């Protein structure tokens, strides 16, 4: 995942959100969902 990779590399949420053209709130939600496993569940059911 590009977002989590950038975050692990030390980029700030503001930098990541700005470079991807999304809001910080969307980024926070994405990172939260990914951490809790919700994103994985959503992606697995979409397949």
PDB file of N, CA and C in Angstrom:
ATOM      1  N   UNK A   1       0.832  -1.185   0.000  1.00  0.00           N
ATOM      2  CA  UNK A   1       0.000   0.000   0.000  1.00  0.00           C
ATOM      3  C   UNK A   1       0.879   1.253   0.000  1.00  0.00           C
ATOM      4  N   UNK A   2       0.600   2.135  -0.873  1.00  0.00           N
ATOM      5  CA  UNK A   2       1.414   3.334  -1.000  1.00  0.00           C
ATOM      6  C   UNK A   2       1.314   4.231   0.230  1.00  0.00           C
ATOM      7  N   UNK A   3       0.113   4.436   0.754  1.00  0.00           N
ATOM      8  CA  UNK A   3      -0.065   5.358   1.881  1.00  0.00           C
ATOM      9  C   UNK A   3       0.674   4.860   3.113  1.00  0.00           C
ATOM     10  N   UNK A   4       0.469   3.615   3.490  1.00  0.00           N
ATOM     11  CA  UNK A   4       1.128   3.096   4.687  1.00  0.00           C
ATOM     12  C   UNK A   4       2.642   3.060   4.514  1.00  0.00           C
ATOM     13  N   UNK A   5       3.090   2.806   3.305  1.00  0.00           N
ATOM     14  CA  UNK A   5       4.527   2.802   3.034  1.00  0.00           C
ATOM     15  C   UNK A   5       5.129   4.190   3.241  1.00  0.00           C
ATOM     16  N   UNK A   6       4.459   5.200   2.723  1.00  0.00           N
ATOM     17  CA  UNK A   6       4.938   6.571   2.903  1.00  0.00           C
ATOM     18  C   UNK A   6       4.936   6.967   4.376  1.00  0.00           C
ATOM     19  N   UNK A   7       3.895   6.561   5.092  1.00  0.00           N
ATOM     20  CA  UNK A   7       3.792   6.880   6.516  1.00  0.00           C
ATOM     21  C   UNK A   7       4.925   6.213   7.292  1.00  0.00           C
ATOM     22  N   UNK A   8       5.212   4.960   6.982  1.00  0.00           N
ATOM     23  CA  UNK A   8       6.308   4.248   7.656  1.00  0.00           C
ATOM     24  C   UNK A   8       7.663   4.865   7.331  1.00  0.00           C
ATOM     25  N   UNK A   9       7.782   5.475   6.158  1.00  0.00           N
ATOM     26  CA  UNK A   9       9.044   6.109   5.772  1.00  0.00           C
ATOM     27  C   UNK A   9       9.249   7.442   6.473  1.00  0.00           C
ATOM     28  N   UNK A  10       8.246   7.902   7.228  1.00  0.00           N
ATOM     29  CA  UNK A  10       8.405   9.114   8.017  1.00  0.00           C
ATOM     30  C   UNK A  10       7.739  10.346   7.456  1.00  0.00           C
ATOM     31  N   UNK A  11       7.010  10.218   6.340  1.00  0.00           N
ATOM     32  CA  UNK A  11       6.293  11.363   5.800  1.00  0.00           C
ATOM     33  C   UNK A  11       5.125  11.695   6.725  1.00  0.00           C
ATOM     34  N   UNK A  12       4.833  12.976   6.865  1.00  0.00           N
ATOM     35  CA  UNK A  12       3.715  13.377   7.715  1.00  0.00           C
ATOM     36  C   UNK A  12       2.393  13.117   7.014  1.00  0.00           C
ATOM     37  N   UNK A  13       1.343  13.068   7.812  1.00  0.00           N
ATOM     38  CA  UNK A  13       0.009  12.873   7.240  1.00  0.00           C
ATOM     39  C   UNK A  13      -0.333  14.015   6.298  1.00  0.00           C
ATOM     40  N   UNK A  14       0.081  15.209   6.644  1.00  0.00           N
ATOM     41  CA  UNK A  14      -0.179  16.384   5.798  1.00  0.00           C
ATOM     42  C   UNK A  14       0.529  16.241   4.452  1.00  0.00           C
ATOM     43  N   UNK A  15       1.779  15.806   4.485  1.00  0.00           N
ATOM     44  CA  UNK A  15       2.542  15.634   3.240  1.00  0.00           C
ATOM     45  C   UNK A  15       1.914  14.562   2.352  1.00  0.00           C
ATOM     46  N   UNK A  16       1.531  13.448   2.960  1.00  0.00           N
ATOM     47  CA  UNK A  16       0.944  12.350   2.187  1.00  0.00           C
ATOM     48  C   UNK A  16      -0.388  12.778   1.585  1.00  0.00           C
ATOM     49  N   UNK A  17      -1.243  13.369   2.407  1.00  0.00           N
ATOM     50  CA  UNK A  17      -2.557  13.802   1.928  1.00  0.00           C
ATOM     51  C   UNK A  17      -2.413  14.815   0.795  1.00  0.00           C
ATOM     52  N   UNK A  18      -1.500  15.769   0.947  1.00  0.00           N
ATOM     53  CA  UNK A  18      -1.291  16.783  -0.083  1.00  0.00           C
ATOM     54  C   UNK A  18      -0.781  16.195  -1.386  1.00  0.00           C
ATOM     55  N   UNK A  19       0.135  15.243  -1.292  1.00  0.00           N
ATOM     56  CA  UNK A  19       0.703  14.673  -2.514  1.00  0.00           C
ATOM     57  C   UNK A  19      -0.307  13.784  -3.246  1.00  0.00           C
ATOM     58  N   UNK A  20      -1.259  13.207  -2.507  1.00  0.00           N
ATOM     59  CA  UNK A  20      -2.256  12.333  -3.129  1.00  0.00           C
ATOM     60  C   UNK A  20      -3.550  13.070  -3.475  1.00  0.00           C
ATOM     61  N   UNK A  21      -3.658  14.309  -3.013  1.00  0.00           N
ATOM     62  CA  UNK A  21      -4.853  15.088  -3.307  1.00  0.00           C
ATOM     63  C   UNK A  21      -6.081  14.634  -2.529  1.00  0.00           C
ATOM     64  N   UNK A  22      -5.863  14.127  -1.315  1.00  0.00           N
ATOM     65  CA  UNK A  22      -6.970  13.733  -0.452  1.00  0.00           C
ATOM     66  C   UNK A  22      -6.902  14.528   0.845  1.00  0.00           C
ATOM     67  N   UNK A  23      -7.995  14.536   1.588  1.00  0.00           N
ATOM     68  CA  UNK A  23      -8.002  15.279   2.843  1.00  0.00           C
ATOM     69  C   UNK A  23      -7.258  14.502   3.926  1.00  0.00           C
ATOM     70  N   UNK A  24      -6.818  15.230   4.957  1.00  0.00           N
ATOM     71  CA  UNK A  24      -6.154  14.567   6.079  1.00  0.00           C
ATOM     72  C   UNK A  24      -7.118  13.619   6.787  1.00  0.00           C
ATOM     73  N   UNK A  25      -8.388  13.996   6.835  1.00  0.00           N
ATOM     74  CA  UNK A  25      -9.381  13.122   7.480  1.00  0.00           C
ATOM     75  C   UNK A  25      -9.519  11.801   6.735  1.00  0.00           C
ATOM     76  N   UNK A  26      -9.523  11.851   5.404  1.00  0.00           N
ATOM     77  CA  UNK A  26      -9.595  10.629   4.609  1.00  0.00           C
ATOM     78  C   UNK A  26      -8.360   9.772   4.871  1.00  0.00           C
ATOM     79  N   UNK A  27      -7.215  10.396   4.940  1.00  0.00           N
ATOM     80  CA  UNK A  27      -5.970   9.681   5.203  1.00  0.00           C
ATOM     81  C   UNK A  27      -6.002   9.032   6.584  1.00  0.00           C
ATOM     82  N   UNK A  28      -6.453   9.765   7.588  1.00  0.00           N
ATOM     83  CA  UNK A  28      -6.550   9.216   8.938  1.00  0.00           C
ATOM     84  C   UNK A  28      -7.482   8.013   8.968  1.00  0.00           C
ATOM     85  N   UNK A  29      -8.604   8.115   8.282  1.00  0.00           N
ATOM     86  CA  UNK A  29      -9.573   7.016   8.225  1.00  0.00           C
ATOM     87  C   UNK A  29      -8.942   5.792   7.556  1.00  0.00           C
ATOM     88  N   UNK A  30      -8.252   6.013   6.473  1.00  0.00           N
ATOM     89  CA  UNK A  30      -7.588   4.923   5.764  1.00  0.00           C
ATOM     90  C   UNK A  30      -6.575   4.216   6.662  1.00  0.00           C
ATOM     91  N   UNK A  31      -5.721   5.005   7.334  1.00  0.00           N
ATOM     92  CA  UNK A  31      -4.697   4.414   8.194  1.00  0.00           C
ATOM     93  C   UNK A  31      -5.331   3.679   9.370  1.00  0.00           C
ATOM     94  N   UNK A  32      -6.393   4.230   9.929  1.00  0.00           N
ATOM     95  CA  UNK A  32      -7.093   3.600  11.035  1.00  0.00           C
ATOM     96  C   UNK A  32      -7.723   2.285  10.598  1.00  0.00           C
ATOM     97  N   UNK A  33      -8.390   2.296   9.447  1.00  0.00           N
ATOM     98  CA  UNK A  33      -9.029   1.078   8.927  1.00  0.00           C
ATOM     99  C   UNK A  33      -7.995   0.006   8.603  1.00  0.00           C
ATOM    100  N   UNK A  34      -6.888   0.432   8.050  1.00  0.00           N
ATOM    101  CA  UNK A  34      -5.843  -0.528   7.700  1.00  0.00           C
ATOM    102  C   UNK A  34      -5.261  -1.161   8.965  1.00  0.00           C
ATOM    103  N   UNK A  35      -5.033  -0.341   9.985  1.00  0.00           N
ATOM    104  CA  UNK A  35      -4.459  -0.837  11.233  1.00  0.00           C
ATOM    105  C   UNK A  35      -5.397  -1.810  11.929  1.00  0.00           C
ATOM    106  N   UNK A  36      -6.682  -1.537  11.890  1.00  0.00           N
ATOM    107  CA  UNK A  36      -7.654  -2.388  12.589  1.00  0.00           C
ATOM    108  C   UNK A  36      -8.049  -3.618  11.785  1.00  0.00           C
ATOM    109  N   UNK A  37      -7.631  -3.696  10.539  1.00  0.00           N
ATOM    110  CA  UNK A  37      -7.961  -4.843   9.708  1.00  0.00           C
ATOM    111  C   UNK A  37      -9.250  -4.662   8.923  1.00  0.00           C
ATOM    112  N   UNK A  38      -9.934  -3.558   9.114  1.00  0.00           N
ATOM    113  CA  UNK A  38     -11.186  -3.316   8.393  1.00  0.00           C
ATOM    114  C   UNK A  38     -10.940  -3.218   6.900  1.00  0.00           C
ATOM    115  N   UNK A  39      -9.868  -2.572   6.504  1.00  0.00           N
ATOM    116  CA  UNK A  39      -9.575  -2.412   5.080  1.00  0.00           C
ATOM    117  C   UNK A  39      -9.329  -3.762   4.428  1.00  0.00           C
ATOM    118  N   UNK A  40      -8.606  -4.625   5.108  1.00  0.00           N
ATOM    119  CA  UNK A  40      -8.342  -5.967   4.575  1.00  0.00           C
ATOM    120  C   UNK A  40      -9.649  -6.727   4.376  1.00  0.00           C
ATOM    121  N   UNK A  41     -10.545  -6.619   5.335  1.00  0.00           N
ATOM    122  CA  UNK A  41     -11.836  -7.290   5.227  1.00  0.00           C
ATOM    123  C   UNK A  41     -12.619  -6.757   4.026  1.00  0.00           C
ATOM    124  N   UNK A  42     -12.623  -5.455   3.837  1.00  0.00           N
ATOM    125  CA  UNK A  42     -13.335  -4.847   2.719  1.00  0.00           C
ATOM    126  C   UNK A  42     -12.723  -5.307   1.395  1.00  0.00           C
ATOM    127  N   UNK A  43     -11.411  -5.312   1.306  1.00  0.00           N
ATOM    128  CA  UNK A  43     -10.749  -5.723   0.073  1.00  0.00           C
ATOM    129  C   UNK A  43     -10.982  -7.204  -0.204  1.00  0.00           C
ATOM    130  N   UNK A  44     -10.989  -8.026   0.806  1.00  0.00           N
ATOM    131  CA  UNK A  44     -11.192  -9.463   0.608  1.00  0.00           C
ATOM    132  C   UNK A  44     -12.609  -9.761   0.144  1.00  0.00           C
ATOM    133  N   UNK A  45     -13.589  -9.010   0.615  1.00  0.00           N
ATOM    134  CA  UNK A  45     -14.961  -9.279   0.202  1.00  0.00           C
ATOM    135  C   UNK A  45     -15.243  -8.742  -1.192  1.00  0.00           C
ATOM    136  N   UNK A  46     -14.418  -7.830  -1.682  1.00  0.00           N
ATOM    137  CA  UNK A  46     -14.616  -7.254  -3.013  1.00  0.00           C
ATOM    138  C   UNK A  46     -14.101  -8.174  -4.117  1.00  0.00           C
ATOM    139  N   UNK A  47     -13.293  -9.119  -3.756  1.00  0.00           N
ATOM    140  CA  UNK A  47     -12.662 -10.010  -4.743  1.00  0.00           C
ATOM    141  C   UNK A  47     -13.628 -11.081  -5.205  1.00  0.00           C
TER     142      UNK A  47
END
